[in-house]
Each structure stands twice: as structure tokens, then as C-alpha cells.
Amino acid sequence: MQSMLSTALAAFLLLTNCTSKMTSATAGLPAFDTQGHRGARGLFPENTLPAMQAALDLGVTTLEMDAHISRDGQVLLSHDPYINPAHELLPDGSEIPAADKKKYVLYNMDYSDIRAFDVGSKRYSSFPEQQLMPAYKPLLSEVLDYTQAYLKKHRLPQVFYNIETKLKPETDSKYHPAPEEFVARLMEVLEEKQLLPWVIIQSFDVRTLQVLHQKFPQVKTALLVENTSGFEKNLKKLGFTPTIYSPAHRLVTPALIAAAHQQRIRVIPWTVNELEEMRRLKQMGVDGIISDYPNLFLKL
């Protein structure tokens, strides 16, 4: 009897320990978060499935990406609010004329039309190491499904999804819906996929994060910053304590890190593309790094 009780107790403790670890892993964030910017923009066409797969193969802990809304209400991946002639082509493979630089606004197009554009075959002068290939702007739902299946197939650890909402007050109803609708569309996809514990929503637009915090307070948030107003003023403007404070890397100082950590806010700078700068920031105490070149994390 004593042996049976001991065995049962051991099994209970093991189960409790495993459950505790699973809960911690789901709710927490990586000790040091390596984020592939737009997947792996320096190596593959940005915000595409090949870029996300490359980042996974390189062992990132988080996939960073940008979200927009099409005319028919679909959430898709794209940094720019229009088809960008600098590195994207018309459906027939031809160049976008200079006069049409901002003609193809995503919010004014149905997703089926957006998908027809080639966003991977044109050389992007800012990223000469990119591998050229036919590619399209995928739906967020497709990226999530693809990633989850890829992780399972290759027995890779679960990654986080850091999704940026691309909004500005001055372009409401021009390049995107108002924050309330944007958040509703985004969260509809994320709730359907049941991935909220693994999601971070980031934005320069505090309105988006405020709506998210009011309606979905359980979701992790990241305040993106490129201004010089300072940590306290930016937090006051936001109006609540985010999970992450994500400044341009040139703005990071030991004092900023200390102030953020005092409030239990993580500091994850963007976009760091030099190995020595990565090392300097990590030694300073940042909690992660966003980079176009996730291959550099292997040397960090």
C-alpha cells in the first residue's frame, strides 16, 4: 500500500510539474527573444512564407510581421499600405510605372487581386542578399497555419508571433480601417487559430494598443518607439503598462533598460543588423533583438 501511495504521489508530482512548465512556457516569453524581422528580410522576400520558414530554420524564438486589411476585410501580411514598386511587380511580372508608385493601395483592393502581385522576383537594392523567387503577400491565417504545421512536422519548439498593426491617425479610412475595426479583424483570426498565448501585438499607433488592452487585456503588447520623447512620456501617452517597450536600437541606454525593468517591462530594440551592435545591446541587458538577419543570432 505504501509503495502504491508513493508511486501515485510521484506520478501526481510529475504531472503537476509538467503542467506548471507548460503553463509557464505558454504564458511567458523567451529568456532572450530572437525575432526575425518580417521573417528574414535580409535573406528572403519580406513578410512571405519563404521568409518565415527561413527564420524558423535559423531557430528564432519569434516571427515578426506586419499586418494590413484588404478591402474585403482580409488580414494579410505587408509592411507598406500599397504594392511597393521598389521590390514588387505587377501580376504580369512587369515593373510598376513611376506614375503609379502609390496606386495599388491594399485597403482599396480585394485580397484575391493583391495575391496576384509578385513580391519576390525583383531585386531589392537595400537587401542584396535576398534570394529571388516568385512570392505573394499571404493572409495572416495562412502564415499561422503554415508555421504551426511546419513546427509540428520538423519537431521544432513553439514560436511567438509578433504582429505589427500598420496604422496612423492621418491615414484612417485611406490606407486602413479605424483602430477598433482593425483590432476586431485581427483578433477574429487569432482567436479562431487559438494562438493568443503565443501572440504579441505591437504598434507605433497607441490607439491600436489601447483598444486591444481594453478589449483583450490578456494579449501581450509591445509599444514601438522611434521618437525621442523618452520612456516615461511614451508610457504616459500609452496609458497602461505594455509587455514590451520596443525602441529603435539607437535609443537604447542602460538607464532606459533599468527604468523599464523596474516596471517589469521587457526591452526589445529594432532593427539590429550588425553582429557587434547585437553583442553590445545584449551585454547592456536588453531582453531580445529584432533583426533582418536572423542568421546572425547563431553567432551571438
C-alpha atoms as a PDB file:
ATOM      1  CA  MET A   1       0.000   0.000   0.000  1.00  0.00           C
ATOM      2  CA  GLN A   2       2.775   2.426   0.926  1.00  0.00           C
ATOM      3  CA  SER A   3       4.535   1.598  -2.337  1.00  0.00           C
ATOM      4  CA  MET A   4       1.340   2.288  -4.295  1.00  0.00           C
ATOM      5  CA  LEU A   5       0.863   5.614  -2.493  1.00  0.00           C
ATOM      6  CA  SER A   6       4.454   6.575  -3.196  1.00  0.00           C
ATOM      7  CA  THR A   7       4.011   5.730  -6.862  1.00  0.00           C
ATOM      8  CA  ALA A   8       0.764   7.691  -7.051  1.00  0.00           C
ATOM      9  CA  LEU A   9       2.371  10.670  -5.291  1.00  0.00           C
ATOM     10  CA  ALA A  10       5.332  10.579  -7.660  1.00  0.00           C
ATOM     11  CA  ALA A  11       3.001  10.477 -10.662  1.00  0.00           C
ATOM     12  CA  PHE A  12       0.972  13.394  -9.271  1.00  0.00           C
ATOM     13  CA  LEU A  13       4.095  15.490  -8.671  1.00  0.00           C
ATOM     14  CA  LEU A  14       5.373  14.689 -12.159  1.00  0.00           C
ATOM     15  CA  LEU A  15       2.057  15.695 -13.709  1.00  0.00           C
ATOM     16  CA  THR A  16       1.921  18.870 -11.622  1.00  0.00           C
ATOM     17  CA  ASN A  17       5.486  19.746 -12.615  1.00  0.00           C
ATOM     18  CA  CYS A  18       4.778  19.172 -16.309  1.00  0.00           C
ATOM     19  CA  THR A  19       1.585  21.227 -16.154  1.00  0.00           C
ATOM     20  CA  SER A  20       3.451  24.012 -14.382  1.00  0.00           C
ATOM     21  CA  LYS A  21       6.141  24.029 -17.044  1.00  0.00           C
ATOM     22  CA  MET A  22       3.581  24.075 -19.851  1.00  0.00           C
ATOM     23  CA  THR A  23       1.698  26.959 -18.249  1.00  0.00           C
ATOM     24  CA  SER A  24       4.927  28.869 -17.728  1.00  0.00           C
ATOM     25  CA  ALA A  25       6.092  28.268 -21.273  1.00  0.00           C
ATOM     26  CA  THR A  26       2.761  29.331 -22.731  1.00  0.00           C
ATOM     27  CA  ALA A  27       2.342  32.448 -20.637  1.00  0.00           C
ATOM     28  CA  GLY A  28       5.949  33.590 -20.580  1.00  0.00           C
ATOM     29  CA  LEU A  29       8.403  34.832 -23.161  1.00  0.00           C
ATOM     30  CA  PRO A  30      11.859  33.561 -24.123  1.00  0.00           C
ATOM     31  CA  ALA A  31      14.685  34.444 -21.740  1.00  0.00           C
ATOM     32  CA  PHE A  32      16.308  36.197 -24.689  1.00  0.00           C
ATOM     33  CA  ASP A  33      13.952  36.758 -27.594  1.00  0.00           C
ATOM     34  CA  THR A  34      15.446  36.426 -31.094  1.00  0.00           C
ATOM     35  CA  GLN A  35      12.981  37.894 -33.584  1.00  0.00           C
ATOM     36  CA  GLY A  36      13.192  37.525 -37.359  1.00  0.00           C
ATOM     37  CA  HIS A  37      12.112  40.888 -38.788  1.00  0.00           C
ATOM     38  CA  ARG A  38       9.425  40.375 -41.432  1.00  0.00           C
ATOM     39  CA  GLY A  39      10.553  36.763 -41.251  1.00  0.00           C
ATOM     40  CA  ALA A  40      14.079  37.110 -42.554  1.00  0.00           C
ATOM     41  CA  ARG A  41      14.002  40.244 -44.713  1.00  0.00           C
ATOM     42  CA  GLY A  42      17.733  40.328 -45.290  1.00  0.00           C
ATOM     43  CA  LEU A  43      17.678  36.836 -46.789  1.00  0.00           C
ATOM     44  CA  PHE A  44      14.234  36.295 -48.377  1.00  0.00           C
ATOM     45  CA  PRO A  45      11.357  38.469 -49.642  1.00  0.00           C
ATOM     46  CA  GLU A  46       9.822  40.152 -46.608  1.00  0.00           C
ATOM     47  CA  ASN A  47       6.565  39.051 -44.985  1.00  0.00           C
ATOM     48  CA  THR A  48       6.319  35.938 -47.163  1.00  0.00           C
ATOM     49  CA  LEU A  49       6.100  32.235 -46.337  1.00  0.00           C
ATOM     50  CA  PRO A  50       9.700  31.577 -47.501  1.00  0.00           C
ATOM     51  CA  ALA A  51      10.956  34.329 -45.178  1.00  0.00           C
ATOM     52  CA  MET A  52       9.068  32.847 -42.229  1.00  0.00           C
ATOM     53  CA  GLN A  53      10.318  29.344 -42.973  1.00  0.00           C
ATOM     54  CA  ALA A  54      13.904  30.578 -43.209  1.00  0.00           C
ATOM     55  CA  ALA A  55      13.584  32.255 -39.822  1.00  0.00           C
ATOM     56  CA  LEU A  56      12.218  29.039 -38.305  1.00  0.00           C
ATOM     57  CA  ASP A  57      15.095  27.045 -39.759  1.00  0.00           C
ATOM     58  CA  LEU A  58      17.512  29.528 -38.193  1.00  0.00           C
ATOM     59  CA  GLY A  59      15.975  28.951 -34.766  1.00  0.00           C
ATOM     60  CA  VAL A  60      14.281  32.272 -33.989  1.00  0.00           C
ATOM     61  CA  THR A  61      12.030  32.353 -30.949  1.00  0.00           C
ATOM     62  CA  THR A  62       9.639  34.874 -32.526  1.00  0.00           C
ATOM     63  CA  LEU A  63       8.407  35.626 -36.036  1.00  0.00           C
ATOM     64  CA  GLU A  64       7.926  39.370 -36.511  1.00  0.00           C
ATOM     65  CA  MET A  65       5.491  40.508 -39.209  1.00  0.00           C
ATOM     66  CA  ASP A  66       3.277  43.388 -40.394  1.00  0.00           C
ATOM     67  CA  ALA A  67      -0.484  43.295 -40.870  1.00  0.00           C
ATOM     68  CA  HIS A  68      -2.818  45.214 -43.174  1.00  0.00           C
ATOM     69  CA  ILE A  69      -6.502  44.893 -44.054  1.00  0.00           C
ATOM     70  CA  SER A  70      -7.804  44.450 -47.606  1.00  0.00           C
ATOM     71  CA  ARG A  71     -10.994  45.983 -48.991  1.00  0.00           C
ATOM     72  CA  ASP A  72     -12.861  42.735 -48.394  1.00  0.00           C
ATOM     73  CA  GLY A  73     -11.767  42.629 -44.752  1.00  0.00           C
ATOM     74  CA  GLN A  74      -8.954  40.080 -45.012  1.00  0.00           C
ATOM     75  CA  VAL A  75      -5.906  40.357 -42.713  1.00  0.00           C
ATOM     76  CA  LEU A  76      -2.757  39.999 -44.795  1.00  0.00           C
ATOM     77  CA  LEU A  77       0.973  40.446 -44.347  1.00  0.00           C
ATOM     78  CA  SER A  78       2.546  43.596 -45.780  1.00  0.00           C
ATOM     79  CA  HIS A  79       4.709  46.391 -44.440  1.00  0.00           C
ATOM     80  CA  ASP A  80       3.644  49.020 -46.943  1.00  0.00           C
ATOM     81  CA  PRO A  81      -0.009  50.030 -47.391  1.00  0.00           C
ATOM     82  CA  TYR A  82       0.363  49.671 -51.167  1.00  0.00           C
ATOM     83  CA  ILE A  83       2.214  47.480 -53.635  1.00  0.00           C
ATOM     84  CA  ASN A  84       5.759  48.852 -53.375  1.00  0.00           C
ATOM     85  CA  PRO A  85       7.487  49.335 -56.757  1.00  0.00           C
ATOM     86  CA  ALA A  86      10.902  49.242 -55.059  1.00  0.00           C
ATOM     87  CA  HIS A  87      10.693  45.460 -54.749  1.00  0.00           C
ATOM     88  CA  GLU A  88       7.317  44.300 -56.062  1.00  0.00           C
ATOM     89  CA  LEU A  89       5.977  43.639 -59.559  1.00  0.00           C
ATOM     90  CA  LEU A  90       2.672  43.701 -61.393  1.00  0.00           C
ATOM     91  CA  PRO A  91       0.837  40.373 -61.826  1.00  0.00           C
ATOM     92  CA  ASP A  92       2.260  40.008 -65.350  1.00  0.00           C
ATOM     93  CA  GLY A  93       5.803  40.391 -63.983  1.00  0.00           C
ATOM     94  CA  SER A  94       6.376  43.895 -65.324  1.00  0.00           C
ATOM     95  CA  GLU A  95       7.601  46.931 -63.396  1.00  0.00           C
ATOM     96  CA  ILE A  96       5.165  49.324 -61.742  1.00  0.00           C
ATOM     97  CA  PRO A  97       5.413  52.686 -63.583  1.00  0.00           C
ATOM     98  CA  ALA A  98       6.774  55.586 -61.531  1.00  0.00           C
ATOM     99  CA  ALA A  99       3.497  57.450 -62.027  1.00  0.00           C
ATOM    100  CA  ASP A 100       1.686  54.582 -60.293  1.00  0.00           C
ATOM    101  CA  LYS A 101       4.013  54.490 -57.271  1.00  0.00           C
ATOM    102  CA  LYS A 102       1.168  54.508 -54.734  1.00  0.00           C
ATOM    103  CA  LYS A 103      -1.689  53.466 -56.993  1.00  0.00           C
ATOM    104  CA  TYR A 104      -2.209  49.957 -55.660  1.00  0.00           C
ATOM    105  CA  VAL A 105      -3.460  50.630 -52.135  1.00  0.00           C
ATOM    106  CA  LEU A 106      -4.181  47.370 -50.316  1.00  0.00           C
ATOM    107  CA  TYR A 107      -7.191  48.760 -48.451  1.00  0.00           C
ATOM    108  CA  ASN A 108      -8.774  49.587 -51.822  1.00  0.00           C
ATOM    109  CA  MET A 109      -8.172  46.102 -53.262  1.00  0.00           C
ATOM    110  CA  ASP A 110      -9.725  42.696 -52.672  1.00  0.00           C
ATOM    111  CA  TYR A 111      -7.279  40.112 -51.393  1.00  0.00           C
ATOM    112  CA  SER A 112      -7.627  37.916 -54.497  1.00  0.00           C
ATOM    113  CA  ASP A 113      -6.227  40.816 -56.562  1.00  0.00           C
ATOM    114  CA  ILE A 114      -3.459  41.578 -54.058  1.00  0.00           C
ATOM    115  CA  ARG A 115      -2.308  37.967 -54.085  1.00  0.00           C
ATOM    116  CA  ALA A 116      -1.679  38.109 -57.845  1.00  0.00           C
ATOM    117  CA  PHE A 117       1.225  40.575 -57.482  1.00  0.00           C
ATOM    118  CA  ASP A 118       4.769  39.157 -57.403  1.00  0.00           C
ATOM    119  CA  VAL A 119       6.602  40.376 -54.306  1.00  0.00           C
ATOM    120  CA  GLY A 120       9.707  38.195 -54.528  1.00  0.00           C
ATOM    121  CA  SER A 121      11.212  38.262 -58.015  1.00  0.00           C
ATOM    122  CA  LYS A 122      12.552  41.811 -58.166  1.00  0.00           C
ATOM    123  CA  ARG A 123      15.959  42.655 -56.727  1.00  0.00           C
ATOM    124  CA  TYR A 124      15.614  44.858 -53.628  1.00  0.00           C
ATOM    125  CA  SER A 125      18.638  47.142 -53.649  1.00  0.00           C
ATOM    126  CA  SER A 126      18.555  47.618 -49.869  1.00  0.00           C
ATOM    127  CA  PHE A 127      18.934  43.854 -49.331  1.00  0.00           C
ATOM    128  CA  PRO A 128      21.242  42.411 -51.998  1.00  0.00           C
ATOM    129  CA  GLU A 129      21.493  39.054 -50.195  1.00  0.00           C
ATOM    130  CA  GLN A 130      17.803  38.312 -50.665  1.00  0.00           C
ATOM    131  CA  GLN A 131      17.104  35.127 -52.622  1.00  0.00           C
ATOM    132  CA  LEU A 132      14.823  35.963 -55.515  1.00  0.00           C
ATOM    133  CA  MET A 133      11.749  33.811 -56.103  1.00  0.00           C
ATOM    134  CA  PRO A 134       8.094  34.229 -57.067  1.00  0.00           C
ATOM    135  CA  ALA A 135       6.156  35.101 -53.912  1.00  0.00           C
ATOM    136  CA  TYR A 136       2.924  36.748 -52.802  1.00  0.00           C
ATOM    137  CA  LYS A 137       1.508  38.588 -49.804  1.00  0.00           C
ATOM    138  CA  PRO A 138      -0.073  35.831 -47.676  1.00  0.00           C
ATOM    139  CA  LEU A 139      -3.063  36.007 -45.396  1.00  0.00           C
ATOM    140  CA  LEU A 140      -2.219  36.041 -41.688  1.00  0.00           C
ATOM    141  CA  SER A 141      -4.325  32.898 -41.272  1.00  0.00           C
ATOM    142  CA  GLU A 142      -2.220  31.138 -43.912  1.00  0.00           C
ATOM    143  CA  VAL A 143       1.020  32.135 -42.187  1.00  0.00           C
ATOM    144  CA  LEU A 144      -0.227  30.818 -38.851  1.00  0.00           C
ATOM    145  CA  ASP A 145      -1.408  27.524 -40.344  1.00  0.00           C
ATOM    146  CA  TYR A 146       1.796  27.077 -42.324  1.00  0.00           C
ATOM    147  CA  THR A 147       4.014  27.828 -39.351  1.00  0.00           C
ATOM    148  CA  GLN A 148       2.173  25.554 -36.943  1.00  0.00           C
ATOM    149  CA  ALA A 149       2.285  22.685 -39.449  1.00  0.00           C
ATOM    150  CA  TYR A 150       5.988  23.300 -40.128  1.00  0.00           C
ATOM    151  CA  LEU A 151       6.828  23.293 -36.434  1.00  0.00           C
ATOM    152  CA  LYS A 152       4.971  20.028 -35.933  1.00  0.00           C
ATOM    153  CA  LYS A 153       6.487  18.340 -38.987  1.00  0.00           C
ATOM    154  CA  HIS A 154      10.053  19.245 -38.048  1.00  0.00           C
ATOM    155  CA  ARG A 155       9.560  18.886 -34.286  1.00  0.00           C
ATOM    156  CA  LEU A 156      10.580  22.461 -33.629  1.00  0.00           C
ATOM    157  CA  PRO A 157       9.682  24.369 -30.449  1.00  0.00           C
ATOM    158  CA  GLN A 158       6.681  26.681 -30.466  1.00  0.00           C
ATOM    159  CA  VAL A 159       7.470  30.221 -31.575  1.00  0.00           C
ATOM    160  CA  PHE A 160       5.778  33.508 -30.763  1.00  0.00           C
ATOM    161  CA  TYR A 161       4.108  35.750 -33.334  1.00  0.00           C
ATOM    162  CA  ASN A 162       4.886  39.461 -33.044  1.00  0.00           C
ATOM    163  CA  ILE A 163       2.328  41.174 -35.274  1.00  0.00           C
ATOM    164  CA  GLU A 164       2.543  44.887 -36.028  1.00  0.00           C
ATOM    165  CA  THR A 165      -0.597  46.844 -36.817  1.00  0.00           C
ATOM    166  CA  LYS A 166       0.200  49.368 -39.527  1.00  0.00           C
ATOM    167  CA  LEU A 167      -1.920  52.412 -38.659  1.00  0.00           C
ATOM    168  CA  LYS A 168      -1.577  56.182 -38.419  1.00  0.00           C
ATOM    169  CA  PRO A 169      -4.316  58.654 -37.419  1.00  0.00           C
ATOM    170  CA  GLU A 170      -3.779  60.663 -40.603  1.00  0.00           C
ATOM    171  CA  THR A 171      -4.400  57.647 -42.851  1.00  0.00           C
ATOM    172  CA  ASP A 172      -7.532  56.243 -41.185  1.00  0.00           C
ATOM    173  CA  SER A 173     -10.046  55.197 -43.874  1.00  0.00           C
ATOM    174  CA  LYS A 174      -7.395  55.838 -46.551  1.00  0.00           C
ATOM    175  CA  TYR A 175      -4.828  53.079 -46.007  1.00  0.00           C
ATOM    176  CA  HIS A 176      -6.612  51.131 -43.268  1.00  0.00           C
ATOM    177  CA  PRO A 177      -9.766  50.998 -41.146  1.00  0.00           C
ATOM    178  CA  ALA A 178     -10.029  52.779 -37.792  1.00  0.00           C
ATOM    179  CA  PRO A 179      -8.301  51.054 -34.829  1.00  0.00           C
ATOM    180  CA  GLU A 180     -11.490  49.414 -33.496  1.00  0.00           C
ATOM    181  CA  GLU A 181     -12.202  47.633 -36.772  1.00  0.00           C
ATOM    182  CA  PHE A 182      -8.540  46.805 -37.358  1.00  0.00           C
ATOM    183  CA  VAL A 183      -8.268  45.140 -33.951  1.00  0.00           C
ATOM    184  CA  ALA A 184     -11.559  43.297 -34.431  1.00  0.00           C
ATOM    185  CA  ARG A 185     -10.442  41.864 -37.784  1.00  0.00           C
ATOM    186  CA  LEU A 186      -7.068  40.859 -36.388  1.00  0.00           C
ATOM    187  CA  MET A 187      -8.413  39.260 -33.243  1.00  0.00           C
ATOM    188  CA  GLU A 188     -11.038  37.312 -35.175  1.00  0.00           C
ATOM    189  CA  VAL A 189      -8.221  35.474 -36.964  1.00  0.00           C
ATOM    190  CA  LEU A 190      -6.110  34.961 -33.846  1.00  0.00           C
ATOM    191  CA  GLU A 191      -8.983  33.669 -31.739  1.00  0.00           C
ATOM    192  CA  GLU A 192     -10.025  31.259 -34.480  1.00  0.00           C
ATOM    193  CA  LYS A 193      -6.481  29.842 -34.597  1.00  0.00           C
ATOM    194  CA  GLN A 194      -6.345  29.578 -30.769  1.00  0.00           C
ATOM    195  CA  LEU A 195      -2.855  31.036 -30.590  1.00  0.00           C
ATOM    196  CA  LEU A 196      -3.374  34.017 -28.258  1.00  0.00           C
ATOM    197  CA  PRO A 197      -0.854  32.823 -25.619  1.00  0.00           C
ATOM    198  CA  TRP A 198       1.810  32.925 -28.335  1.00  0.00           C
ATOM    199  CA  VAL A 199       0.881  36.325 -29.779  1.00  0.00           C
ATOM    200  CA  ILE A 200       2.333  39.810 -29.254  1.00  0.00           C
ATOM    201  CA  ILE A 201       0.634  42.800 -30.873  1.00  0.00           C
ATOM    202  CA  GLN A 202       2.974  45.711 -31.487  1.00  0.00           C
ATOM    203  CA  SER A 203       2.395  49.171 -32.904  1.00  0.00           C
ATOM    204  CA  PHE A 204       3.666  52.719 -33.130  1.00  0.00           C
ATOM    205  CA  ASP A 205      -0.015  53.689 -33.020  1.00  0.00           C
ATOM    206  CA  VAL A 206      -1.024  53.856 -29.350  1.00  0.00           C
ATOM    207  CA  ARG A 207      -4.718  53.823 -30.290  1.00  0.00           C
ATOM    208  CA  THR A 208      -4.474  50.233 -31.507  1.00  0.00           C
ATOM    209  CA  LEU A 209      -2.776  49.083 -28.331  1.00  0.00           C
ATOM    210  CA  GLN A 210      -5.295  50.962 -26.172  1.00  0.00           C
ATOM    211  CA  VAL A 211      -8.238  49.273 -27.913  1.00  0.00           C
ATOM    212  CA  LEU A 212      -6.507  45.931 -27.574  1.00  0.00           C
ATOM    213  CA  HIS A 213      -5.776  46.489 -23.879  1.00  0.00           C
ATOM    214  CA  GLN A 214      -9.395  47.455 -23.171  1.00  0.00           C
ATOM    215  CA  LYS A 215     -10.991  44.562 -25.038  1.00  0.00           C
ATOM    216  CA  PHE A 216      -8.321  41.854 -24.874  1.00  0.00           C
ATOM    217  CA  PRO A 217      -6.190  42.618 -21.794  1.00  0.00           C
ATOM    218  CA  GLN A 218      -4.746  39.095 -21.789  1.00  0.00           C
ATOM    219  CA  VAL A 219      -2.883  39.694 -25.066  1.00  0.00           C
ATOM    220  CA  LYS A 220       0.783  40.718 -24.870  1.00  0.00           C
ATOM    221  CA  THR A 221       1.542  44.186 -26.241  1.00  0.00           C
ATOM    222  CA  ALA A 222       4.656  45.978 -27.477  1.00  0.00           C
ATOM    223  CA  LEU A 223       4.983  49.733 -27.863  1.00  0.00           C
ATOM    224  CA  LEU A 224       7.160  50.573 -30.855  1.00  0.00           C
ATOM    225  CA  VAL A 225       9.126  53.800 -30.464  1.00  0.00           C
ATOM    226  CA  GLU A 226      11.278  55.901 -32.770  1.00  0.00           C
ATOM    227  CA  ASN A 227      10.769  59.304 -31.135  1.00  0.00           C
ATOM    228  CA  THR A 228      12.997  60.961 -28.544  1.00  0.00           C
ATOM    229  CA  SER A 229      10.224  61.845 -26.084  1.00  0.00           C
ATOM    230  CA  GLY A 230      11.614  59.395 -23.552  1.00  0.00           C
ATOM    231  CA  PHE A 231      10.377  56.300 -21.775  1.00  0.00           C
ATOM    232  CA  GLU A 232       8.104  57.950 -19.186  1.00  0.00           C
ATOM    233  CA  LYS A 233       6.359  60.277 -21.657  1.00  0.00           C
ATOM    234  CA  ASN A 234       5.758  57.457 -24.111  1.00  0.00           C
ATOM    235  CA  LEU A 235       4.263  55.261 -21.387  1.00  0.00           C
ATOM    236  CA  LYS A 236       2.068  58.137 -20.188  1.00  0.00           C
ATOM    237  CA  LYS A 237       0.769  58.636 -23.734  1.00  0.00           C
ATOM    238  CA  LEU A 238       0.031  54.909 -23.998  1.00  0.00           C
ATOM    239  CA  GLY A 239      -1.841  54.918 -20.688  1.00  0.00           C
ATOM    240  CA  PHE A 240      -1.008  51.419 -19.471  1.00  0.00           C
ATOM    241  CA  THR A 241       1.983  49.153 -18.907  1.00  0.00           C
ATOM    242  CA  PRO A 242       2.840  47.132 -22.027  1.00  0.00           C
ATOM    243  CA  THR A 243       4.587  43.782 -22.006  1.00  0.00           C
ATOM    244  CA  ILE A 244       7.419  45.128 -24.169  1.00  0.00           C
ATOM    245  CA  TYR A 245       8.968  48.514 -24.891  1.00  0.00           C
ATOM    246  CA  SER A 246      10.464  48.283 -28.384  1.00  0.00           C
ATOM    247  CA  PRO A 247      12.612  51.290 -29.334  1.00  0.00           C
ATOM    248  CA  ALA A 248      14.840  51.909 -32.332  1.00  0.00           C
ATOM    249  CA  HIS A 249      18.147  50.399 -31.248  1.00  0.00           C
ATOM    250  CA  ARG A 250      19.960  53.754 -31.257  1.00  0.00           C
ATOM    251  CA  LEU A 251      17.648  54.919 -28.431  1.00  0.00           C
ATOM    252  CA  VAL A 252      18.611  52.150 -26.011  1.00  0.00           C
ATOM    253  CA  THR A 253      20.606  53.164 -22.926  1.00  0.00           C
ATOM    254  CA  PRO A 254      21.350  51.464 -19.604  1.00  0.00           C
ATOM    255  CA  ALA A 255      19.049  53.978 -17.917  1.00  0.00           C
ATOM    256  CA  LEU A 256      16.177  53.087 -20.244  1.00  0.00           C
ATOM    257  CA  ILE A 257      16.644  49.373 -19.599  1.00  0.00           C
ATOM    258  CA  ALA A 258      16.760  49.942 -15.836  1.00  0.00           C
ATOM    259  CA  ALA A 259      13.599  52.072 -15.893  1.00  0.00           C
ATOM    260  CA  ALA A 260      11.722  49.510 -17.951  1.00  0.00           C
ATOM    261  CA  HIS A 261      12.857  46.550 -15.861  1.00  0.00           C
ATOM    262  CA  GLN A 262      11.807  48.368 -12.716  1.00  0.00           C
ATOM    263  CA  GLN A 263       8.260  48.219 -14.100  1.00  0.00           C
ATOM    264  CA  ARG A 264       8.736  44.635 -15.313  1.00  0.00           C
ATOM    265  CA  ILE A 265       8.651  45.745 -18.951  1.00  0.00           C
ATOM    266  CA  ARG A 266      10.913  43.957 -21.398  1.00  0.00           C
ATOM    267  CA  VAL A 267      13.135  45.956 -23.789  1.00  0.00           C
ATOM    268  CA  ILE A 268      13.451  44.567 -27.317  1.00  0.00           C
ATOM    269  CA  PRO A 269      15.025  47.002 -29.820  1.00  0.00           C
ATOM    270  CA  TRP A 270      14.629  47.090 -33.596  1.00  0.00           C
ATOM    271  CA  THR A 271      16.141  46.622 -36.222  1.00  0.00           C
ATOM    272  CA  VAL A 272      19.666  45.420 -35.383  1.00  0.00           C
ATOM    273  CA  ASN A 273      21.605  44.119 -38.380  1.00  0.00           C
ATOM    274  CA  GLU A 274      25.214  44.221 -37.186  1.00  0.00           C
ATOM    275  CA  LEU A 275      26.661  41.479 -35.003  1.00  0.00           C
ATOM    276  CA  GLU A 276      28.761  43.824 -32.869  1.00  0.00           C
ATOM    277  CA  GLU A 277      25.748  46.013 -32.157  1.00  0.00           C
ATOM    278  CA  MET A 278      23.794  42.910 -31.165  1.00  0.00           C
ATOM    279  CA  ARG A 279      26.537  41.943 -28.743  1.00  0.00           C
ATOM    280  CA  ARG A 280      26.711  45.455 -27.298  1.00  0.00           C
ATOM    281  CA  LEU A 281      22.968  45.598 -26.698  1.00  0.00           C
ATOM    282  CA  LYS A 282      22.835  42.117 -25.213  1.00  0.00           C
ATOM    283  CA  GLN A 283      25.659  42.980 -22.811  1.00  0.00           C
ATOM    284  CA  MET A 284      23.768  46.158 -21.903  1.00  0.00           C
ATOM    285  CA  GLY A 285      20.853  43.974 -20.796  1.00  0.00           C
ATOM    286  CA  VAL A 286      18.146  44.059 -23.478  1.00  0.00           C
ATOM    287  CA  ASP A 287      15.642  41.192 -23.420  1.00  0.00           C
ATOM    288  CA  GLY A 288      15.779  40.398 -27.109  1.00  0.00           C
ATOM    289  CA  ILE A 289      16.604  41.725 -30.556  1.00  0.00           C
ATOM    290  CA  ILE A 290      14.685  42.166 -33.807  1.00  0.00           C
ATOM    291  CA  SER A 291      16.829  41.666 -36.921  1.00  0.00           C
ATOM    292  CA  ASP A 292      16.545  41.368 -40.694  1.00  0.00           C
ATOM    293  CA  TYR A 293      19.334  38.806 -40.490  1.00  0.00           C
ATOM    294  CA  PRO A 294      18.308  36.048 -38.054  1.00  0.00           C
ATOM    295  CA  ASN A 295      21.359  34.074 -39.217  1.00  0.00           C
ATOM    296  CA  LEU A 296      23.423  36.457 -37.077  1.00  0.00           C
ATOM    297  CA  PHE A 297      21.755  35.122 -33.933  1.00  0.00           C
ATOM    298  CA  LEU A 298      23.704  31.899 -34.418  1.00  0.00           C
ATOM    299  CA  LYS A 299      26.906  33.890 -33.813  1.00  0.00           C
ATOM    300  CA  LEU A 300      25.572  35.926 -30.907  1.00  0.00           C
END
